[in-house]
Amino acid sequence: MLPVLQRELNASLAAVTWTLTLSLLVGAVSTPLLSRFGDMYGRRRMILGALGLLVIGSVMAALATSLTWLIVARVLQGFVTALVPLSIGVVRDLLPRNQLATGIGVLSATMGFGSGGGMILAGLASGDFHLVFWITGGVSLVAAIVVAFLVRDVAPPLRGRPDLLGAALLAAWLVALLLAVSEGGSWGWTSPGVLGLFGAAVVLAGVWVLVERRVAEPLVDMAMLVHRGTVGATVSSALLGFSFFTLMTGMSSFAQAPEQAGGFAATTLEVGFYLLPSTLFMLVISLFAGRIMRRLPASSMVAAGAAVTALAAFWLVIANETSAHLYVASSLMGVGLGIGYAALGTMAVEHVAPERTAVAAGVNALVRIVGGSVSGAAIAAILAALPGAGGYQWVFGAAAGAGVVAALFAAGYGYLNRAAVTGPSAH
């Protein structure tokens, strides 16, 4: 919907990109915070709260007549991102350990189906973003009612205190970083404003780390970020999140770009159909991910998924002249994400103690969202510096590079981890 918002609200691409970036940023902060609240006060209550904010934000967005009003609405909607670790926590509480991978795979499949359905919905609404958000609010209200009747908490609540200072510092340094990246092209990468923002991001991130290491119950467990059992999933999630959001957003924007800019001047409905293969492949593969993980390590699946996602992006670097090229890239992206995303959750929790599963899942979701948040700012910066077809090639190249590094890291981590496990037994 970003090109639609540009036209309807008479704003630049860099400006309307904040409707995506800030929503993801709020998701990055709210994911560990609401996960912690879920442990303390019950996951059902937090799921309902997040869905309630989604309904309110959707109504506000449907009524929005300015970019500022829409951004505020999108901030409220961003809290729903916490549903991923909260839902994984519910699955963990209800299913036996041998069915956990299948349960996470089903969750991944529903996310893929919902994402694709949203893309088609936006097209059927003929680019009317008010109507899109009215429908989103209605669907969210139905989801909240279903959760209220069907979801129950079975795990006893834990005592503790929320790390609000950690949440504020996390938001502060991420805002500074993303603003510097997104405005670097227009302000100048060596301008005092951009350099000051980068410096503020570094200082605030350092203070955040110090705070998180000293508080009794941190928002983000620093030890979990570098934990031997999760570091592979942490790095792979951040890179794959960046690659996915960069590729998907880049494809949508490129398809709708005017022909003189190298695009296809596609309608929102046509964009939805371009991305439909990714949804179908993601749905089908995610449903079978649990069975596949019984035969293959999760790290190998993440590596394979990241490699295929990188291939989809690289395909668009070298072949982007016809609709068929977009359909090929969309299909490859769906295969890659269906394999990779379904296994990321398992890769994040399979080597940690059962009582640390929720923390590990929350950290993994956080870094994946941060990677996605950076992608929005990066796309805006690239297209501001290189408008037209050449800029989109750099966007797709960035997505491909991140996917390749994610694949290499996941494969290397899996190899080292298996060597560490088999070495002592062989000895």
Protein backbone atom coordinates (compact mmCIF):
# COMPACT_ATOMS: atom_id res chain seq x y z
CA MET A 1 0.00 0.00 0.00
CA LEU A 2 3.00 2.36 0.23
CA PRO A 3 2.68 3.76 -3.32
CA VAL A 4 -1.06 4.24 -2.69
CA LEU A 5 -0.31 6.18 0.49
CA GLN A 6 2.15 8.34 -1.42
CA ARG A 7 -0.60 9.40 -3.83
CA GLU A 8 -3.47 9.66 -1.37
CA LEU A 9 -1.55 11.57 1.32
CA ASN A 10 0.68 13.53 -1.07
CA ALA A 11 3.87 12.38 0.70
CA SER A 12 7.29 11.11 -0.33
CA LEU A 13 8.28 7.44 -0.31
CA ALA A 14 10.68 8.09 2.58
CA ALA A 15 7.85 9.64 4.59
CA VAL A 16 5.23 6.95 4.01
CA THR A 17 7.81 4.22 4.65
CA TRP A 18 7.61 5.21 8.31
CA THR A 19 4.13 3.69 8.40
CA LEU A 20 5.91 0.36 7.95
CA THR A 21 9.14 1.11 9.83
CA LEU A 22 7.55 2.51 13.00
CA SER A 23 5.03 -0.34 13.14
CA LEU A 24 7.88 -2.85 12.98
CA LEU A 25 9.84 -0.80 15.53
CA VAL A 26 6.94 -0.93 17.98
CA GLY A 27 6.76 -4.66 17.30
CA ALA A 28 10.45 -5.02 18.14
CA VAL A 29 9.94 -3.34 21.53
CA SER A 30 6.55 -4.81 22.38
CA THR A 31 7.53 -8.40 21.49
CA PRO A 32 9.82 -9.01 24.50
CA LEU A 33 7.76 -6.70 26.72
CA LEU A 34 4.42 -8.41 26.11
CA SER A 35 6.13 -11.80 26.21
CA ARG A 36 7.30 -10.92 29.72
CA PHE A 37 3.83 -9.66 30.63
CA GLY A 38 2.46 -12.94 29.28
CA ASP A 39 4.63 -14.89 31.72
CA MET A 40 3.50 -12.62 34.58
CA TYR A 41 -0.19 -12.05 33.87
CA GLY A 42 -1.15 -14.75 31.37
CA ARG A 43 -0.62 -15.07 27.63
CA ARG A 44 -4.35 -15.05 26.86
CA ARG A 45 -4.71 -11.61 28.43
CA MET A 46 -1.77 -10.23 26.45
CA ILE A 47 -3.03 -11.73 23.19
CA LEU A 48 -6.41 -10.10 23.73
CA GLY A 49 -4.73 -6.81 24.62
CA ALA A 50 -2.62 -6.85 21.46
CA LEU A 51 -5.66 -7.68 19.32
CA GLY A 52 -7.59 -4.89 21.04
CA LEU A 53 -4.87 -2.38 20.11
CA LEU A 54 -4.95 -3.76 16.56
CA VAL A 55 -8.69 -3.12 16.35
CA ILE A 56 -8.32 0.43 17.71
CA GLY A 57 -5.38 1.16 15.41
CA SER A 58 -7.29 -0.20 12.42
CA VAL A 59 -10.28 2.04 13.09
CA MET A 60 -7.98 5.05 13.52
CA ALA A 61 -6.18 4.21 10.27
CA ALA A 62 -9.50 3.79 8.45
CA LEU A 63 -10.48 7.30 9.56
CA ALA A 64 -7.05 8.85 8.90
CA THR A 65 -6.81 11.86 6.61
CA SER A 66 -3.17 12.74 7.28
CA LEU A 67 0.13 10.89 7.40
CA THR A 68 0.67 11.81 11.07
CA TRP A 69 -2.69 10.34 12.07
CA LEU A 70 -1.97 7.19 10.07
CA ILE A 71 1.46 6.75 11.67
CA VAL A 72 -0.09 6.98 15.16
CA ALA A 73 -2.59 4.29 14.14
CA ARG A 74 0.18 2.10 12.76
CA VAL A 75 2.08 2.45 16.04
CA LEU A 76 -0.90 0.95 17.88
CA GLN A 77 -1.16 -1.82 15.30
CA GLY A 78 2.52 -2.69 15.79
CA PHE A 79 1.83 -4.25 19.20
CA VAL A 80 0.19 -7.22 17.48
CA THR A 81 3.64 -8.46 16.41
CA ALA A 82 3.99 -9.89 19.92
CA LEU A 83 1.42 -12.54 18.97
CA VAL A 84 4.21 -14.64 17.46
CA PRO A 85 6.13 -15.49 20.68
CA LEU A 86 2.92 -15.41 22.73
CA SER A 87 1.38 -18.00 20.42
CA ILE A 88 4.55 -20.10 20.51
CA GLY A 89 4.31 -19.97 24.30
CA VAL A 90 0.73 -21.23 24.19
CA VAL A 91 1.75 -24.04 21.86
CA ARG A 92 4.65 -24.95 24.12
CA ASP A 93 2.33 -25.12 27.14
CA LEU A 94 -0.28 -27.28 25.42
CA LEU A 95 1.66 -29.67 23.19
CA PRO A 96 4.11 -32.42 24.15
CA ARG A 97 7.71 -31.72 23.19
CA ASN A 98 7.69 -34.18 20.28
CA GLN A 99 4.86 -32.21 18.63
CA LEU A 100 6.33 -28.74 19.25
CA ALA A 101 7.96 -28.47 15.82
CA THR A 102 4.69 -29.38 14.10
CA GLY A 103 2.78 -26.82 16.16
CA ILE A 104 5.23 -24.05 15.28
CA GLY A 105 5.05 -25.10 11.64
CA VAL A 106 1.27 -24.74 11.66
CA LEU A 107 1.61 -21.27 13.20
CA SER A 108 4.03 -20.33 10.44
CA ALA A 109 1.58 -21.63 7.85
CA THR A 110 -1.26 -19.50 9.20
CA MET A 111 0.99 -16.43 9.16
CA GLY A 112 1.83 -17.11 5.53
CA PHE A 113 -1.81 -17.61 4.64
CA GLY A 114 -2.84 -14.43 6.45
CA SER A 115 -0.08 -12.38 4.82
CA GLY A 116 -1.05 -13.53 1.35
CA GLY A 117 -4.72 -12.99 2.06
CA GLY A 118 -3.93 -9.45 3.13
CA MET A 119 -2.12 -8.77 -0.12
CA ILE A 120 -5.09 -9.98 -2.18
CA LEU A 121 -7.47 -8.05 0.07
CA ALA A 122 -5.59 -4.81 -0.53
CA GLY A 123 -5.94 -5.40 -4.25
CA LEU A 124 -9.65 -6.24 -4.10
CA ALA A 125 -10.17 -2.99 -2.19
CA SER A 126 -8.86 -1.22 -5.33
CA GLY A 127 -6.18 0.61 -3.40
CA ASP A 128 -8.64 2.22 -0.95
CA PHE A 129 -6.55 2.13 2.22
CA HIS A 130 -9.52 3.28 4.33
CA LEU A 131 -11.49 0.20 3.29
CA VAL A 132 -8.47 -2.06 3.87
CA PHE A 133 -8.18 -0.90 7.47
CA TRP A 134 -11.93 -1.19 8.10
CA ILE A 135 -11.75 -4.83 6.99
CA THR A 136 -8.58 -5.36 9.06
CA GLY A 137 -10.40 -4.03 12.13
CA GLY A 138 -13.34 -6.36 11.54
CA VAL A 139 -11.13 -9.43 11.04
CA SER A 140 -9.14 -8.52 14.16
CA LEU A 141 -12.31 -8.19 16.22
CA VAL A 142 -13.43 -11.65 15.10
CA ALA A 143 -9.99 -13.04 16.02
CA ALA A 144 -10.23 -11.47 19.48
CA ILE A 145 -13.65 -13.05 20.05
CA VAL A 146 -12.32 -16.47 18.97
CA VAL A 147 -9.34 -16.14 21.34
CA ALA A 148 -11.61 -15.07 24.21
CA PHE A 149 -13.69 -18.24 23.83
CA LEU A 150 -11.05 -20.82 22.90
CA VAL A 151 -7.66 -19.89 24.42
CA ARG A 152 -6.92 -20.69 28.05
CA ASP A 153 -3.80 -20.26 30.14
CA VAL A 154 -2.47 -23.49 31.61
CA ALA A 155 0.93 -22.34 32.90
CA PRO A 156 1.01 -20.70 36.36
CA PRO A 157 1.88 -16.98 36.31
CA LEU A 158 5.39 -15.90 37.27
CA ARG A 159 6.21 -13.05 39.58
CA GLY A 160 8.42 -10.23 38.40
CA ARG A 161 8.72 -6.62 37.30
CA PRO A 162 8.59 -5.32 33.73
CA ASP A 163 11.75 -3.67 32.43
CA LEU A 164 10.19 -0.41 31.21
CA LEU A 165 13.53 1.44 31.18
CA GLY A 166 14.99 -1.24 28.94
CA ALA A 167 12.01 -0.91 26.59
CA ALA A 168 12.41 2.87 26.39
CA LEU A 169 16.15 2.65 25.68
CA LEU A 170 15.62 -0.05 23.04
CA ALA A 171 13.07 2.15 21.26
CA ALA A 172 15.33 5.22 21.52
CA TRP A 173 18.44 3.72 19.93
CA LEU A 174 16.45 1.95 17.21
CA VAL A 175 14.65 5.19 16.27
CA ALA A 176 17.97 7.04 16.09
CA LEU A 177 19.50 4.29 13.94
CA LEU A 178 16.57 3.96 11.55
CA LEU A 179 16.18 7.72 11.16
CA ALA A 180 19.87 8.04 10.31
CA VAL A 181 19.69 5.24 7.72
CA SER A 182 16.49 6.48 6.08
CA GLU A 183 17.54 10.14 5.89
CA GLY A 184 21.21 9.61 5.04
CA GLY A 185 20.61 9.99 1.33
CA SER A 186 18.66 13.25 1.59
CA TRP A 187 20.58 14.88 4.46
CA GLY A 188 24.00 13.61 3.39
CA TRP A 189 25.79 10.69 5.02
CA THR A 190 28.44 12.99 6.51
CA SER A 191 26.01 15.72 7.58
CA PRO A 192 25.99 16.70 11.28
CA GLY A 193 22.42 15.46 11.65
CA VAL A 194 23.09 11.95 10.32
CA LEU A 195 26.41 11.59 12.14
CA GLY A 196 24.76 12.82 15.32
CA LEU A 197 21.98 10.26 14.99
CA PHE A 198 24.47 7.44 14.42
CA GLY A 199 26.44 8.60 17.45
CA ALA A 200 23.28 8.80 19.56
CA ALA A 201 22.29 5.29 18.45
CA VAL A 202 25.69 3.90 19.51
CA VAL A 203 25.61 5.66 22.89
CA LEU A 204 22.01 4.71 23.64
CA ALA A 205 22.64 1.10 22.57
CA GLY A 206 25.63 0.95 24.92
CA VAL A 207 23.56 2.32 27.81
CA TRP A 208 20.80 -0.16 26.97
CA VAL A 209 23.22 -3.09 27.13
CA LEU A 210 24.57 -1.90 30.49
CA VAL A 211 21.06 -1.58 31.89
CA GLU A 212 19.99 -4.97 30.60
CA ARG A 213 23.04 -6.64 32.14
CA ARG A 214 22.37 -5.13 35.56
CA VAL A 215 18.60 -5.34 36.06
CA ALA A 216 17.29 -8.47 37.72
CA GLU A 217 14.67 -9.16 35.04
CA PRO A 218 15.83 -7.57 31.75
CA LEU A 219 13.60 -6.92 28.77
CA VAL A 220 16.10 -8.78 26.58
CA ASP A 221 18.36 -11.40 28.11
CA MET A 222 21.80 -10.37 26.85
CA ALA A 223 23.15 -13.83 27.65
CA MET A 224 20.46 -15.34 25.42
CA LEU A 225 21.55 -13.13 22.51
CA VAL A 226 24.99 -14.76 22.54
CA HIS A 227 23.96 -18.10 24.02
CA ARG A 228 25.67 -20.94 22.20
CA GLY A 229 22.37 -22.65 21.61
CA THR A 230 20.63 -19.58 20.15
CA VAL A 231 23.26 -17.33 18.56
CA GLY A 232 22.94 -19.07 15.21
CA ALA A 233 19.19 -18.54 15.16
CA THR A 234 19.64 -14.95 16.39
CA VAL A 235 21.94 -13.87 13.56
CA SER A 236 20.08 -15.88 10.92
CA SER A 237 16.73 -14.40 12.03
CA ALA A 238 17.97 -10.82 11.80
CA LEU A 239 19.43 -11.35 8.33
CA LEU A 240 16.52 -13.39 6.99
CA GLY A 241 14.06 -10.82 8.38
CA PHE A 242 15.96 -8.08 6.56
CA SER A 243 16.10 -10.12 3.35
CA PHE A 244 12.40 -11.02 3.41
CA PHE A 245 11.04 -7.54 4.15
CA THR A 246 13.44 -5.93 1.67
CA LEU A 247 12.46 -8.38 -1.06
CA MET A 248 8.71 -8.28 -0.45
CA THR A 249 8.50 -4.50 -0.05
CA GLY A 250 10.87 -3.97 -2.97
CA MET A 251 8.83 -6.24 -5.24
CA SER A 252 5.58 -4.47 -4.32
CA SER A 253 7.03 -1.02 -4.91
CA PHE A 254 8.81 -2.04 -8.11
CA ALA A 255 5.67 -3.59 -9.61
CA GLN A 256 3.69 -0.40 -8.95
CA ALA A 257 6.44 1.94 -10.17
CA PRO A 258 5.69 3.73 -13.47
CA GLU A 259 7.09 2.22 -16.64
CA GLN A 260 9.54 5.07 -17.14
CA ALA A 261 11.06 4.13 -13.78
CA GLY A 262 11.47 0.52 -14.90
CA GLY A 263 8.34 -0.79 -13.19
CA PHE A 264 5.05 -2.26 -14.43
CA ALA A 265 2.59 0.43 -13.28
CA ALA A 266 0.66 -2.41 -11.64
CA THR A 267 -2.50 -1.95 -9.60
CA THR A 268 -2.63 -3.14 -5.99
CA LEU A 269 -4.71 -6.14 -7.11
CA GLU A 270 -2.07 -7.10 -9.68
CA VAL A 271 0.61 -6.80 -6.98
CA GLY A 272 -1.43 -9.16 -4.83
CA PHE A 273 -1.49 -11.71 -7.63
CA TYR A 274 2.26 -11.28 -8.21
CA LEU A 275 2.83 -12.19 -4.57
CA LEU A 276 0.17 -14.93 -4.42
CA PRO A 277 2.61 -17.76 -5.36
CA SER A 278 4.76 -16.89 -2.35
CA THR A 279 1.73 -17.27 -0.09
CA LEU A 280 0.71 -20.61 -1.57
CA PHE A 281 4.21 -22.10 -1.38
CA MET A 282 4.72 -20.76 2.13
CA LEU A 283 1.43 -22.27 3.28
CA VAL A 284 1.99 -25.72 1.79
CA ILE A 285 5.62 -26.04 2.88
CA SER A 286 4.97 -24.73 6.40
CA LEU A 287 2.31 -27.39 6.95
CA PHE A 288 4.89 -30.12 6.30
CA ALA A 289 7.77 -28.38 8.08
CA GLY A 290 7.30 -30.37 11.27
CA ARG A 291 7.66 -33.68 9.43
CA ILE A 292 10.70 -32.44 7.55
CA MET A 293 12.39 -31.34 10.79
CA ARG A 294 12.11 -34.86 12.14
CA ARG A 295 14.55 -35.87 9.39
CA LEU A 296 16.66 -32.73 8.92
CA PRO A 297 18.18 -30.37 11.50
CA ALA A 298 16.39 -27.05 11.87
CA SER A 299 19.63 -25.20 11.09
CA SER A 300 19.88 -26.99 7.74
CA MET A 301 16.33 -25.98 6.87
CA VAL A 302 17.01 -22.35 7.82
CA ALA A 303 20.15 -22.38 5.67
CA ALA A 304 18.25 -23.85 2.73
CA GLY A 305 15.37 -21.41 3.13
CA ALA A 306 17.71 -18.41 3.33
CA ALA A 307 19.59 -19.61 0.23
CA VAL A 308 16.39 -19.92 -1.81
CA THR A 309 15.23 -16.49 -0.60
CA ALA A 310 18.58 -15.06 -1.71
CA LEU A 311 18.11 -16.77 -5.08
CA ALA A 312 14.71 -15.08 -5.46
CA ALA A 313 16.27 -11.67 -4.83
CA PHE A 314 19.22 -12.34 -7.12
CA TRP A 315 16.83 -13.45 -9.86
CA LEU A 316 15.27 -9.98 -9.81
CA VAL A 317 18.68 -8.36 -10.03
CA ILE A 318 19.31 -10.03 -13.39
CA ALA A 319 15.75 -10.64 -14.68
CA ASN A 320 13.01 -8.07 -14.05
CA GLU A 321 11.62 -7.14 -17.46
CA THR A 322 8.38 -9.17 -17.55
CA SER A 323 5.59 -10.28 -15.24
CA ALA A 324 6.87 -13.86 -15.52
CA HIS A 325 10.09 -12.77 -13.82
CA LEU A 326 8.11 -11.46 -10.85
CA TYR A 327 6.12 -14.71 -10.62
CA VAL A 328 9.35 -16.74 -10.57
CA ALA A 329 10.82 -14.56 -7.83
CA SER A 330 7.59 -14.71 -5.81
CA SER A 331 7.50 -18.51 -6.06
CA LEU A 332 11.13 -18.82 -4.95
CA MET A 333 10.51 -16.42 -2.08
CA GLY A 334 7.55 -18.50 -0.89
CA VAL A 335 9.61 -21.70 -0.97
CA GLY A 336 12.48 -20.08 0.87
CA LEU A 337 10.36 -18.48 3.57
CA GLY A 338 8.18 -21.57 3.94
CA ILE A 339 11.28 -23.62 4.72
CA GLY A 340 13.26 -21.01 6.63
CA TYR A 341 10.66 -19.26 8.76
CA ALA A 342 9.02 -22.49 9.89
CA ALA A 343 12.35 -23.79 11.18
CA LEU A 344 13.60 -20.55 12.77
CA GLY A 345 11.37 -20.93 15.82
CA THR A 346 12.57 -24.48 16.41
CA MET A 347 16.20 -23.53 15.80
CA ALA A 348 15.85 -20.81 18.45
CA VAL A 349 14.52 -23.06 21.20
CA GLU A 350 15.81 -26.58 20.51
CA HIS A 351 19.11 -26.15 22.39
CA VAL A 352 17.89 -24.26 25.47
CA ALA A 353 16.34 -25.52 28.69
CA PRO A 354 12.52 -25.94 28.54
CA GLU A 355 11.94 -23.15 31.06
CA ARG A 356 13.91 -20.77 28.80
CA THR A 357 11.86 -21.52 25.69
CA ALA A 358 9.68 -18.40 25.89
CA VAL A 359 12.69 -16.14 26.44
CA ALA A 360 14.55 -17.65 23.49
CA ALA A 361 11.48 -17.37 21.23
CA GLY A 362 11.00 -13.74 22.26
CA VAL A 363 14.63 -12.83 21.52
CA ASN A 364 14.42 -14.58 18.15
CA ALA A 365 11.25 -12.72 17.20
CA LEU A 366 12.83 -9.43 18.35
CA VAL A 367 15.92 -9.68 16.14
CA ARG A 368 13.83 -10.79 13.15
CA ILE A 369 11.62 -7.72 13.52
CA VAL A 370 14.64 -5.45 13.98
CA GLY A 371 16.01 -6.82 10.72
CA GLY A 372 12.71 -6.04 9.04
CA SER A 373 12.66 -2.54 10.53
CA VAL A 374 16.11 -1.78 9.12
CA SER A 375 14.94 -2.95 5.70
CA GLY A 376 12.32 -0.22 5.43
CA ALA A 377 14.86 2.49 6.19
CA ALA A 378 17.41 0.89 3.84
CA ILE A 379 14.95 0.78 0.93
CA ALA A 380 14.06 4.44 1.42
CA ALA A 381 17.75 5.39 1.52
CA ILE A 382 18.64 3.38 -1.61
CA LEU A 383 15.73 4.66 -3.70
CA ALA A 384 16.34 8.24 -2.57
CA ALA A 385 19.94 7.99 -3.78
CA LEU A 386 19.21 5.91 -6.90
CA PRO A 387 15.65 6.42 -8.16
CA GLY A 388 14.49 4.18 -10.96
CA ALA A 389 15.35 0.67 -12.12
CA GLY A 390 18.97 0.88 -10.96
CA GLY A 391 17.89 1.63 -7.42
CA TYR A 392 15.57 -1.36 -7.32
CA GLN A 393 18.41 -3.60 -8.50
CA TRP A 394 20.44 -2.42 -5.52
CA VAL A 395 17.44 -3.10 -3.25
CA PHE A 396 17.16 -6.66 -4.54
CA GLY A 397 20.95 -7.05 -4.35
CA ALA A 398 20.88 -6.07 -0.67
CA ALA A 399 18.16 -8.67 -0.02
CA ALA A 400 20.20 -11.31 -1.85
CA GLY A 401 23.37 -10.50 0.08
CA ALA A 402 21.59 -10.73 3.44
CA GLY A 403 20.05 -14.06 2.44
CA VAL A 404 23.42 -15.51 1.44
CA VAL A 405 25.06 -14.49 4.72
CA ALA A 406 22.09 -15.89 6.67
CA ALA A 407 22.41 -19.22 4.83
CA LEU A 408 26.15 -19.44 5.45
CA PHE A 409 25.78 -18.55 9.11
CA ALA A 410 22.97 -21.05 9.74
CA ALA A 411 24.85 -23.82 7.94
CA GLY A 412 28.10 -23.10 9.77
CA TYR A 413 26.35 -22.87 13.13
CA GLY A 414 24.56 -26.16 12.55
CA TYR A 415 27.79 -27.89 11.58
CA LEU A 416 29.66 -26.62 14.64
CA ASN A 417 26.80 -27.49 16.94
CA ARG A 418 26.54 -31.05 15.61
CA ALA A 419 30.32 -31.45 15.88
CA ALA A 420 30.18 -30.34 19.51
CA VAL A 421 27.43 -32.85 20.24
CA THR A 422 28.96 -35.84 18.45
CA GLY A 423 32.56 -35.13 19.45
CA PRO A 424 32.34 -36.03 23.15
CA SER A 425 30.15 -39.08 22.47
CA ALA A 426 32.63 -40.37 19.92
CA HIS A 427 35.42 -39.80 22.38
